[in-house]
Amino acid sequence: MERLERNTGLVLEGGGMRGVFTSGVLDALMKHQVRFPYVVAVSAGACNGLSYMSGQPRRARYSNIDMLRKYGYISLKSLLVQGSIFDPNILYERFPQEIVPFDYTAYGRNPATFEAVTTNCLTGRAEYLSEKHDPKRLTAIVKASSSLPYVAQITPVDGVPMLDGGIVDSIPVQRAIETGHPVNVVVMTRNKGFRSQEPDDQMYRMFYKEYPRLRVALRRRVEAYNQQLDMIERMEQWGEIVVIRPVLPMEVDRICRDVDKLERLYQEGFDEGERFCQNYCL
């Protein structure tokens, strides 16, 4: 792809605090007024993607770095008291309503489609949800997409129990293609060549007994993720997608609280976003 095509989709991987890389990429896109007609995002990608959709540069960076420094919203105390290791009161209530208010009007006026991926606990399948009019439902969708198994509460959307979309579809490029976007830009939060070496997930045996299909999905999630990584690298090699990913060795994990490491990863994301814009958009 020599130039960004009109119908190109944007795919945003999750990754917890590694998503600060994505927030840097998206700030570079906003700086150069690069817009996509379709965005599909997972977990932290969905949280960061909202600020891109509303046209609020550095808002996602503020939530990932400055708010973490000020409020320390990742903690065992939050897990014990509120049922989530990421403080949901700060992230999904105070942040969008008080601290750096989300521009729902600008988001609603954006003609682009924004889908967030969740995992349906009843079916064990991915759901691709969109909302442009109801702020409460939009918040619930993004919260559900970011509800990591075991360390966050199940979040209902339309009365259906949901968890993190990355359980089933961590890199939803196939969804982008199915919705009519054959060419896509994929923002990833892992280095090229990464494959998960985690052992098969056994924690599901102690959780979610009322959701047997979710437990099957949790058992398969490492295998499914590595298969997606294989697919992404094949598509990239064949020129079917453009991938923006970290190049420097990754030093940020899913629940990183080291703001210096997060600052460096954000800046790398911004630099890689600038490079993408120079190569394909300007």
Protein backbone atom coordinates (compact mmCIF):
# COMPACT_ATOMS: atom_id res chain seq x y z
CA MET A 1 0.00 0.00 0.00
CA GLU A 2 1.73 3.16 -1.20
CA ARG A 3 -0.96 5.58 -0.04
CA LEU A 4 -3.80 5.35 2.44
CA GLU A 5 -6.91 4.27 0.56
CA ARG A 6 -10.30 5.88 1.16
CA ASN A 7 -11.91 2.73 2.58
CA THR A 8 -9.02 1.64 4.81
CA GLY A 9 -9.96 0.31 8.24
CA LEU A 10 -8.11 0.85 11.52
CA VAL A 11 -7.65 -2.11 13.90
CA LEU A 12 -6.50 -1.48 17.49
CA GLU A 13 -5.12 -4.31 19.61
CA GLY A 14 -5.46 -4.29 23.41
CA GLY A 15 -2.74 -5.16 25.89
CA GLY A 16 -3.54 -3.35 29.14
CA MET A 17 -0.98 -0.66 29.88
CA ARG A 18 0.91 -1.53 26.69
CA GLY A 19 -1.95 0.37 25.07
CA VAL A 20 -0.08 3.57 25.87
CA PHE A 21 1.80 2.81 22.65
CA THR A 22 -1.51 3.00 20.79
CA SER A 23 -2.38 6.31 22.43
CA GLY A 24 0.88 7.73 21.05
CA VAL A 25 0.12 6.43 17.55
CA LEU A 26 -3.39 7.90 17.66
CA ASP A 27 -2.11 11.29 18.82
CA ALA A 28 0.20 11.37 15.78
CA LEU A 29 -2.75 10.50 13.52
CA MET A 30 -4.79 13.33 15.05
CA LYS A 31 -1.88 15.74 14.65
CA HIS A 32 -1.91 15.06 10.90
CA GLN A 33 -5.72 14.85 10.72
CA VAL A 34 -5.62 11.26 9.49
CA ARG A 35 -9.07 9.70 9.75
CA PHE A 36 -10.45 6.26 8.98
CA PRO A 37 -14.05 5.42 8.06
CA TYR A 38 -14.04 2.34 10.27
CA VAL A 39 -12.31 1.58 13.58
CA VAL A 40 -12.53 -1.73 15.44
CA ALA A 41 -10.79 -1.92 18.80
CA VAL A 42 -10.22 -4.30 21.69
CA SER A 43 -9.83 -3.63 25.40
CA ALA A 44 -7.24 -0.86 25.96
CA GLY A 45 -7.45 -0.18 22.23
CA ALA A 46 -11.13 0.62 22.67
CA CYS A 47 -10.45 2.98 25.57
CA ASN A 48 -7.76 4.83 23.61
CA GLY A 49 -9.82 4.72 20.43
CA LEU A 50 -12.63 6.73 22.01
CA SER A 51 -10.42 9.82 22.35
CA TYR A 52 -9.36 9.40 18.72
CA MET A 53 -12.99 9.18 17.64
CA SER A 54 -13.90 12.33 19.58
CA GLY A 55 -10.83 14.20 18.31
CA GLN A 56 -9.30 14.83 21.74
CA PRO A 57 -5.50 14.59 21.39
CA ARG A 58 -3.42 13.62 24.44
CA ARG A 59 -6.55 12.71 26.39
CA ALA A 60 -5.72 9.00 26.26
CA ARG A 61 -2.13 9.78 27.18
CA TYR A 62 -3.36 11.69 30.21
CA SER A 63 -5.44 8.74 31.38
CA ASN A 64 -2.61 6.25 30.87
CA ILE A 65 0.21 8.26 32.44
CA ASP A 66 -0.77 11.43 34.30
CA MET A 67 -3.81 9.93 35.99
CA LEU A 68 -1.86 6.84 36.97
CA ARG A 69 0.79 9.06 38.55
CA LYS A 70 -1.83 11.13 40.38
CA TYR A 71 -4.42 8.55 41.39
CA GLY A 72 -2.55 5.22 41.31
CA TYR A 73 -5.63 3.55 39.87
CA ILE A 74 -3.98 0.11 39.49
CA SER A 75 -3.96 -1.61 42.86
CA LEU A 76 -4.75 -4.74 44.83
CA LYS A 77 -6.96 -2.56 47.03
CA SER A 78 -9.13 -1.70 44.05
CA LEU A 79 -9.39 -5.40 43.18
CA LEU A 80 -10.47 -6.29 46.71
CA VAL A 81 -12.86 -3.37 47.23
CA GLN A 82 -14.31 -2.80 43.75
CA GLY A 83 -13.67 -6.13 42.06
CA SER A 84 -11.25 -4.74 39.47
CA ILE A 85 -7.51 -4.17 39.61
CA PHE A 86 -8.09 -1.03 37.46
CA ASP A 87 -10.21 1.35 39.56
CA PRO A 88 -13.52 1.48 37.62
CA ASN A 89 -14.79 4.53 39.48
CA ILE A 90 -11.87 6.67 38.35
CA LEU A 91 -11.62 5.27 34.81
CA TYR A 92 -15.26 4.97 33.79
CA GLU A 93 -17.01 7.59 35.91
CA ARG A 94 -14.75 10.38 37.14
CA PHE A 95 -12.44 10.47 34.11
CA PRO A 96 -15.05 10.82 31.34
CA GLN A 97 -17.39 13.00 33.40
CA GLU A 98 -15.12 15.22 35.53
CA ILE A 99 -11.35 14.89 35.09
CA VAL A 100 -11.06 15.18 31.29
CA PRO A 101 -14.67 15.12 30.06
CA PHE A 102 -15.31 13.02 26.99
CA ASP A 103 -16.74 15.01 24.07
CA TYR A 104 -19.84 12.92 23.37
CA THR A 105 -21.09 15.50 20.89
CA ALA A 106 -17.97 15.31 18.72
CA TYR A 107 -17.98 11.54 18.99
CA GLY A 108 -21.60 11.36 17.87
CA ARG A 109 -20.95 13.65 14.91
CA ASN A 110 -17.99 11.62 13.70
CA PRO A 111 -19.28 9.78 10.60
CA ALA A 112 -16.86 6.89 11.12
CA THR A 113 -18.04 3.60 12.58
CA PHE A 114 -16.47 2.58 15.89
CA GLU A 115 -16.81 -0.99 17.12
CA ALA A 116 -15.50 -2.40 20.39
CA VAL A 117 -14.94 -6.13 20.79
CA THR A 118 -16.33 -7.93 23.82
CA THR A 119 -16.58 -11.59 24.77
CA ASN A 120 -20.10 -12.87 25.41
CA CYS A 121 -19.84 -14.98 28.57
CA LEU A 122 -22.90 -17.05 27.61
CA THR A 123 -21.73 -18.05 24.14
CA GLY A 124 -17.96 -17.73 24.49
CA ARG A 125 -17.97 -15.79 21.22
CA ALA A 126 -16.85 -12.30 20.24
CA GLU A 127 -19.40 -9.50 19.97
CA TYR A 128 -18.75 -6.34 17.96
CA LEU A 129 -20.70 -3.51 19.54
CA SER A 130 -21.24 0.09 18.48
CA GLU A 131 -23.06 3.03 20.07
CA LYS A 132 -23.34 6.65 18.97
CA HIS A 133 -26.29 8.01 20.98
CA ASP A 134 -26.40 6.58 24.52
CA PRO A 135 -23.40 7.60 26.69
CA LYS A 136 -24.17 5.03 29.38
CA ARG A 137 -24.32 2.17 26.90
CA LEU A 138 -21.13 3.37 25.19
CA THR A 139 -19.35 3.39 28.56
CA ALA A 140 -20.64 -0.09 29.35
CA ILE A 141 -19.43 -1.43 26.00
CA VAL A 142 -15.90 -0.06 26.41
CA LYS A 143 -15.77 -1.12 30.06
CA ALA A 144 -16.83 -4.65 29.08
CA SER A 145 -14.25 -4.74 26.28
CA SER A 146 -11.59 -3.88 28.88
CA SER A 147 -12.77 -6.20 31.69
CA LEU A 148 -9.82 -8.55 32.00
CA PRO A 149 -10.74 -12.05 33.15
CA TYR A 150 -10.03 -12.88 36.80
CA VAL A 151 -9.06 -9.30 37.77
CA ALA A 152 -12.21 -7.41 36.69
CA GLN A 153 -15.89 -7.91 37.20
CA ILE A 154 -18.13 -9.15 34.42
CA THR A 155 -19.86 -6.16 32.84
CA PRO A 156 -23.41 -6.46 31.49
CA VAL A 157 -24.27 -4.86 28.14
CA ASP A 158 -27.94 -4.96 27.16
CA GLY A 159 -28.40 -7.47 29.98
CA VAL A 160 -25.76 -9.84 28.57
CA PRO A 161 -22.66 -10.64 30.70
CA MET A 162 -19.49 -9.56 28.90
CA LEU A 163 -15.73 -9.67 29.42
CA ASP A 164 -12.58 -8.54 27.59
CA GLY A 165 -12.81 -8.98 23.83
CA GLY A 166 -9.21 -10.12 23.70
CA ILE A 167 -10.22 -13.49 25.12
CA VAL A 168 -11.59 -14.46 21.70
CA ASP A 169 -10.50 -11.84 19.14
CA SER A 170 -7.40 -9.92 20.18
CA ILE A 171 -6.61 -8.50 16.72
CA PRO A 172 -9.94 -8.17 14.86
CA VAL A 173 -8.60 -7.64 11.35
CA GLN A 174 -10.92 -10.35 10.01
CA ARG A 175 -13.88 -8.41 11.36
CA ALA A 176 -12.66 -5.30 9.53
CA ILE A 177 -12.47 -7.25 6.27
CA GLU A 178 -15.93 -8.75 6.79
CA THR A 179 -17.42 -5.28 7.25
CA GLY A 180 -16.18 -4.17 3.84
CA HIS A 181 -12.67 -2.88 4.56
CA PRO A 182 -10.25 -5.11 2.63
CA VAL A 183 -7.23 -2.92 3.41
CA ASN A 184 -6.38 -2.20 7.04
CA VAL A 185 -3.87 -0.50 9.29
CA VAL A 186 -3.26 -2.57 12.42
CA VAL A 187 -1.84 -1.00 15.58
CA MET A 188 -0.27 -3.67 17.74
CA THR A 189 1.25 -3.58 21.21
CA ARG A 190 3.77 -6.39 20.83
CA ASN A 191 7.07 -6.55 18.95
CA LYS A 192 7.29 -8.36 15.62
CA GLY A 193 7.93 -12.05 16.12
CA PHE A 194 6.37 -12.20 19.58
CA ARG A 195 4.48 -15.37 20.47
CA SER A 196 2.94 -16.00 23.84
CA GLN A 197 4.80 -18.61 25.87
CA GLU A 198 2.21 -18.64 28.64
CA PRO A 199 1.16 -22.14 29.69
CA ASP A 200 -2.37 -23.23 28.93
CA ASP A 201 -4.77 -21.19 31.04
CA GLN A 202 -5.85 -23.26 34.03
CA MET A 203 -7.34 -20.51 36.19
CA TYR A 204 -10.68 -20.90 34.43
CA ARG A 205 -11.14 -24.11 36.44
CA MET A 206 -11.64 -21.97 39.56
CA PHE A 207 -13.81 -19.29 37.92
CA TYR A 208 -16.91 -18.82 35.80
CA LYS A 209 -18.49 -22.22 36.50
CA GLU A 210 -21.84 -20.81 35.38
CA TYR A 211 -20.36 -19.95 31.97
CA PRO A 212 -19.01 -23.19 30.45
CA ARG A 213 -18.54 -21.75 26.97
CA LEU A 214 -16.54 -18.85 28.37
CA ARG A 215 -14.30 -21.38 30.12
CA VAL A 216 -13.63 -23.10 26.79
CA ALA A 217 -12.66 -19.75 25.26
CA LEU A 218 -10.32 -18.99 28.17
CA ARG A 219 -8.67 -22.39 27.80
CA ARG A 220 -7.97 -21.68 24.12
CA ARG A 221 -7.05 -18.02 24.28
CA VAL A 222 -3.23 -18.37 24.14
CA GLU A 223 -3.46 -20.71 21.15
CA ALA A 224 -5.98 -18.42 19.42
CA TYR A 225 -3.80 -15.35 20.02
CA ASN A 226 -0.69 -16.99 18.58
CA GLN A 227 -2.67 -18.09 15.53
CA GLN A 228 -3.75 -14.48 15.01
CA LEU A 229 -0.14 -13.32 15.28
CA ASP A 230 0.82 -15.84 12.59
CA MET A 231 -1.98 -14.52 10.37
CA ILE A 232 -0.99 -10.88 10.91
CA GLU A 233 2.61 -11.51 9.91
CA ARG A 234 1.52 -13.41 6.79
CA MET A 235 -0.84 -10.62 5.76
CA GLU A 236 1.85 -8.03 6.40
CA GLN A 237 4.36 -9.98 4.29
CA TRP A 238 1.83 -10.25 1.45
CA GLY A 239 1.14 -6.51 1.57
CA GLU A 240 -2.48 -6.91 2.64
CA ILE A 241 -2.13 -4.81 5.80
CA VAL A 242 0.16 -2.18 7.27
CA VAL A 243 1.24 -2.84 10.85
CA ILE A 244 2.35 -0.18 13.34
CA ARG A 245 4.04 -1.87 16.29
CA PRO A 246 6.71 -1.25 18.94
CA VAL A 247 10.26 -1.68 17.65
CA LEU A 248 12.24 -1.25 20.87
CA PRO A 249 12.29 -4.16 23.32
CA MET A 250 9.02 -4.18 25.28
CA GLU A 251 9.47 -3.21 28.94
CA VAL A 252 5.79 -2.59 29.80
CA ASP A 253 3.48 -5.37 30.94
CA ARG A 254 -0.30 -5.49 31.11
CA ILE A 255 -0.54 -3.86 34.55
CA CYS A 256 2.64 -1.75 34.55
CA ARG A 257 2.69 1.11 37.07
CA ASP A 258 6.11 2.55 36.14
CA VAL A 259 5.28 5.91 34.58
CA ASP A 260 8.80 6.38 33.20
CA LYS A 261 8.46 3.19 31.16
CA LEU A 262 5.00 4.28 30.07
CA GLU A 263 6.33 7.68 28.98
CA ARG A 264 8.95 6.01 26.80
CA LEU A 265 6.42 3.67 25.23
CA TYR A 266 4.01 6.54 24.53
CA GLN A 267 6.77 8.48 22.81
CA GLU A 268 7.72 5.46 20.74
CA GLY A 269 4.09 5.13 19.68
CA PHE A 270 3.96 8.79 18.70
CA ASP A 271 7.19 8.46 16.70
CA GLU A 272 5.95 5.35 14.90
CA GLY A 273 2.66 7.12 14.18
CA GLU A 274 4.56 10.05 12.71
CA ARG A 275 6.56 7.66 10.54
CA PHE A 276 3.37 6.04 9.28
CA CYS A 277 1.87 9.43 8.41
CA GLN A 278 4.99 10.48 6.55
CA ASN A 279 5.03 7.26 4.54
CA TYR A 280 1.36 6.85 3.71
CA CYS A 281 -0.59 10.03 4.33
CA LEU A 282 1.41 13.17 3.62
